[in-house]
Amino acid sequence: MSGMVTAAYFSSAEIVQKDIHFHNEYELIFVKKGHVKVTAGDACYTAHENHLILISNLEQHSVQNLDEVYERYCVTLDVSTADLY
């Protein structure tokens, strides 16, 4: 199960926008501070402090920071590498 779960931390000192993309992993985004705009498919959401967002695998999405000061955590879950019994 190596590589099944990965985690990343983003803050206002780093990239503020992630252009539209997709991947095979499920993605959890936790907004710790500030606001981000998340576009997933045809829907657009504004996530606030302490919001948690789940993005399905293969779903086109983008994330854009809306505040100068923000923090978010991102966890990806690659179920294709899991042993399914």
Protein backbone atom coordinates (compact mmCIF):
# COMPACT_ATOMS: atom_id res chain seq x y z
CA MET A 1 0.00 0.00 0.00
CA SER A 2 2.97 2.31 -0.37
CA GLY A 3 1.95 5.68 -1.82
CA MET A 4 -1.75 5.18 -1.10
CA VAL A 5 -2.05 8.37 1.01
CA THR A 6 -0.10 11.57 0.46
CA ALA A 7 -0.41 14.87 2.29
CA ALA A 8 0.61 18.45 1.54
CA TYR A 9 0.40 21.82 3.27
CA PHE A 10 -0.14 25.11 1.43
CA SER A 11 0.10 28.62 2.85
CA SER A 12 -0.04 32.21 1.64
CA ALA A 13 3.72 32.09 1.01
CA GLU A 14 3.20 29.48 -1.73
CA ILE A 15 1.26 29.03 -4.97
CA VAL A 16 -2.16 30.66 -4.67
CA GLN A 17 -3.92 28.96 -7.59
CA LYS A 18 -4.06 25.40 -8.89
CA ASP A 19 -5.37 25.42 -12.46
CA ILE A 20 -8.01 22.97 -13.65
CA HIS A 21 -6.71 19.42 -13.51
CA PHE A 22 -7.71 15.89 -12.58
CA HIS A 23 -6.04 12.78 -11.21
CA ASN A 24 -6.92 9.23 -10.26
CA GLU A 25 -6.82 9.93 -6.50
CA TYR A 26 -9.61 11.17 -4.26
CA GLU A 27 -8.66 14.50 -2.70
CA LEU A 28 -9.56 15.98 0.70
CA ILE A 29 -8.95 19.70 1.19
CA PHE A 30 -9.14 21.19 4.68
CA VAL A 31 -9.13 25.01 4.85
CA LYS A 32 -7.43 25.98 8.11
CA LYS A 33 -7.35 29.74 7.54
CA GLY A 34 -8.82 32.06 4.91
CA HIS A 35 -11.05 31.26 1.94
CA VAL A 36 -10.53 29.34 -1.28
CA LYS A 37 -12.65 29.00 -4.41
CA VAL A 38 -13.00 25.40 -5.53
CA THR A 39 -14.41 24.53 -8.93
CA ALA A 40 -15.35 20.88 -9.40
CA GLY A 41 -17.04 19.87 -12.60
CA ASP A 42 -19.71 22.51 -13.33
CA ALA A 43 -20.04 23.58 -9.68
CA CYS A 44 -18.19 26.37 -7.88
CA TYR A 45 -17.84 26.58 -4.09
CA THR A 46 -16.28 29.01 -1.64
CA ALA A 47 -14.66 27.12 1.22
CA HIS A 48 -14.16 28.96 4.49
CA GLU A 49 -12.04 28.34 7.56
CA ASN A 50 -12.56 24.82 8.98
CA HIS A 51 -14.35 23.55 5.84
CA LEU A 52 -13.53 20.13 4.43
CA ILE A 53 -13.99 19.35 0.74
CA LEU A 54 -13.94 15.93 -0.94
CA ILE A 55 -13.15 15.76 -4.64
CA SER A 56 -13.80 12.50 -6.45
CA ASN A 57 -11.16 10.77 -8.52
CA LEU A 58 -11.01 11.80 -12.20
CA GLU A 59 -13.17 14.88 -11.47
CA GLN A 60 -11.83 18.05 -13.12
CA HIS A 61 -11.23 20.68 -10.46
CA SER A 62 -9.28 23.81 -9.58
CA VAL A 63 -8.45 25.67 -6.36
CA GLN A 64 -7.91 29.42 -6.05
CA ASN A 65 -6.89 31.32 -2.93
CA LEU A 66 -9.20 34.28 -2.13
CA ASP A 67 -7.24 35.79 0.79
CA GLU A 68 -3.67 36.99 1.23
CA VAL A 69 -3.38 34.97 4.42
CA TYR A 70 -4.54 31.39 4.11
CA GLU A 71 -3.58 27.84 5.04
CA ARG A 72 -4.89 24.54 3.72
CA TYR A 73 -4.06 20.87 3.97
CA CYS A 74 -4.53 18.49 1.09
CA VAL A 75 -4.68 14.70 1.39
CA THR A 76 -4.92 12.42 -1.65
CA LEU A 77 -6.15 8.84 -1.44
CA ASP A 78 -5.08 6.51 -4.23
CA VAL A 79 -7.47 3.59 -4.01
CA SER A 80 -6.03 2.00 -7.15
CA THR A 81 -2.96 0.93 -5.14
CA ALA A 82 -5.00 -0.58 -2.29
CA ASP A 83 -5.36 -4.32 -1.97
CA LEU A 84 -9.10 -4.86 -2.38
CA TYR A 85 -10.46 -8.18 -1.12
